[in-house]
Each structure stands twice: as structure tokens, then as C-alpha cells.
Amino acid sequence: MAAKSPAGSRSRTDSTSLRLLRLERALAVLLAAALRGRLQLPERRLLQKVLAELKKQRRRQQEASQKGRCPACLSVLPKPRARRCPWCGVLLSEARRAARESASAGARR
């Protein structure tokens, strides 16, 4: 008898195979469009959806690999989800909100 795999690894395998199927479909759409010389609207939407999903995955991986830092003093936090910075005492949720607002204001200029 074969040993059953745990549910966690099965769902990871399923999501990987789904991701591969989506990428194969996107590649097929791109190849068909290259032969025609242009993208049709439904194909463009499909590719935008695939690219948006890849961007989300990259962002999640990047966030998971980065250690938490205090936006005020830039020191490495012992816990990435801490409420307060243990070194400067800043309330991190407010500091992150202020940093986002200042970054978005700078992008508008």
C-alpha cells in the first residue's frame, strides 16, 4: 500500500499544477497572438490577470523573506508583526501608515 501524503502537501501540489496550467494557457495565448500579429481584448484581459497574480505572488514572497523593520529608526524588529518598536517605542501601525502616505504623496508630484 502506498502511503498517503498529508493534506498540506497535496494542496500545495494542486496549487502548483493549477499555476502551471494558467501559465501554459497564457503562453498559448501569447503564441497565437504572435502569429496573428496582435492581441484580442479577451486575450489581453487573461494576460493581465496572469501578470497580476504573478505580481501578487512575488510581493508575498518578498514580504515573507524580509525581516520587519521599524519605519522610524530602521532597526530590525525581533518580531515582524510587533505593535511597538522595542528600541524607539514608536507605534508601528501609525508609523507605517505615515510612511505610506508620504510615499504616495511623493509619487503624485
Protein backbone atom coordinates (compact mmCIF):
# COMPACT_ATOMS: atom_id res chain seq x y z
CA MET A 1 0.00 0.00 0.00
CA ALA A 2 1.22 3.45 -0.82
CA ALA A 3 1.45 5.97 1.98
CA LYS A 4 -0.96 8.85 1.76
CA SER A 5 0.52 12.31 1.57
CA PRO A 6 -0.57 14.90 4.12
CA ALA A 7 -3.31 17.30 3.06
CA GLY A 8 -0.95 20.30 3.19
CA SER A 9 1.42 18.91 0.58
CA ARG A 10 -1.47 17.81 -1.61
CA SER A 11 -2.96 21.30 -1.68
CA ARG A 12 0.47 22.77 -2.45
CA THR A 13 0.84 20.33 -5.35
CA ASP A 14 -2.65 21.17 -6.57
CA SER A 15 -1.97 24.91 -6.48
CA THR A 16 1.34 24.38 -8.28
CA SER A 17 -0.33 22.37 -11.03
CA LEU A 18 -3.06 25.00 -11.36
CA ARG A 19 -0.42 27.72 -11.59
CA LEU A 20 1.39 25.75 -14.30
CA LEU A 21 -1.84 25.27 -16.23
CA ARG A 22 -2.54 29.02 -16.10
CA LEU A 23 0.96 29.83 -17.29
CA GLU A 24 0.71 27.30 -20.12
CA ARG A 25 -2.59 28.84 -21.19
CA ALA A 26 -1.06 32.33 -21.08
CA LEU A 27 1.86 31.11 -23.20
CA ALA A 28 -0.54 29.59 -25.74
CA VAL A 29 -2.44 32.89 -25.94
CA LEU A 30 0.79 34.81 -26.49
CA LEU A 31 1.93 32.44 -29.22
CA ALA A 32 -1.43 32.65 -31.00
CA ALA A 33 -1.35 36.45 -30.78
CA ALA A 34 2.20 36.49 -32.15
CA LEU A 35 1.07 34.51 -35.17
CA ARG A 36 -1.85 36.90 -35.75
CA GLY A 37 0.23 39.97 -35.05
CA ARG A 38 -1.99 41.44 -32.31
CA LEU A 39 -3.84 40.63 -29.08
CA GLN A 40 -7.61 40.47 -28.88
CA LEU A 41 -9.40 42.02 -25.90
CA PRO A 42 -10.23 38.73 -24.05
CA GLU A 43 -6.63 37.59 -24.50
CA ARG A 44 -5.33 40.88 -23.14
CA ARG A 45 -7.56 40.51 -20.07
CA LEU A 46 -6.34 36.96 -19.48
CA LEU A 47 -2.71 38.04 -19.68
CA GLN A 48 -3.32 40.99 -17.35
CA LYS A 49 -4.91 38.61 -14.84
CA VAL A 50 -1.95 36.21 -15.03
CA LEU A 51 0.56 39.04 -14.66
CA ALA A 52 -1.35 40.49 -11.69
CA GLU A 53 -1.32 37.09 -9.97
CA LEU A 54 2.42 36.72 -10.56
CA LYS A 55 2.97 40.19 -9.12
CA LYS A 56 0.96 39.26 -6.01
CA GLN A 57 2.99 36.07 -5.56
CA ARG A 58 6.29 37.94 -5.89
CA ARG A 59 5.13 40.53 -3.36
CA ARG A 60 4.07 37.81 -0.88
CA GLN A 61 7.43 36.06 -1.27
CA GLN A 62 9.31 39.32 -0.87
CA GLU A 63 7.36 40.26 2.26
CA ALA A 64 7.93 36.80 3.73
CA SER A 65 11.67 36.95 3.11
CA GLN A 66 12.17 40.45 4.51
CA LYS A 67 12.70 40.95 8.20
CA GLY A 68 10.48 43.53 9.85
CA ARG A 69 11.99 46.98 10.25
CA CYS A 70 10.83 50.00 12.18
CA PRO A 71 9.96 52.77 9.70
CA ALA A 72 11.11 55.42 12.19
CA CYS A 73 14.53 54.18 13.37
CA LEU A 74 15.04 51.43 10.70
CA SER A 75 16.19 48.89 13.28
CA VAL A 76 15.41 45.20 12.75
CA LEU A 77 12.41 44.15 14.81
CA PRO A 78 12.58 40.93 16.87
CA LYS A 79 9.02 40.16 15.71
CA PRO A 80 7.92 41.40 12.26
CA ARG A 81 4.33 41.91 13.49
CA ALA A 82 5.21 43.76 16.70
CA ARG A 83 2.93 46.60 17.84
CA ARG A 84 5.72 48.85 19.10
CA CYS A 85 9.39 49.19 18.27
CA PRO A 86 11.38 47.98 21.31
CA TRP A 87 14.20 50.48 20.60
CA CYS A 88 12.41 53.77 19.89
CA GLY A 89 8.92 52.95 21.23
CA VAL A 90 7.06 54.11 18.11
CA LEU A 91 3.59 52.65 17.49
CA LEU A 92 4.38 50.74 14.29
CA SER A 93 0.93 50.77 12.69
CA GLU A 94 0.87 54.59 12.80
CA ALA A 95 4.46 54.88 11.57
CA ARG A 96 3.75 52.54 8.64
CA ARG A 97 0.58 54.47 7.76
CA ALA A 98 2.50 57.77 7.80
CA ALA A 99 5.27 56.25 5.66
CA ARG A 100 2.72 55.01 3.10
CA GLU A 101 1.02 58.42 2.98
CA SER A 102 4.29 60.26 2.49
CA ALA A 103 5.36 57.80 -0.22
CA SER A 104 2.05 58.17 -2.07
CA ALA A 105 2.25 61.98 -1.78
CA GLY A 106 5.75 61.87 -3.26
CA ALA A 107 4.57 59.68 -6.13
CA ARG A 108 1.83 62.17 -7.04
CA ARG A 109 4.31 65.01 -7.59
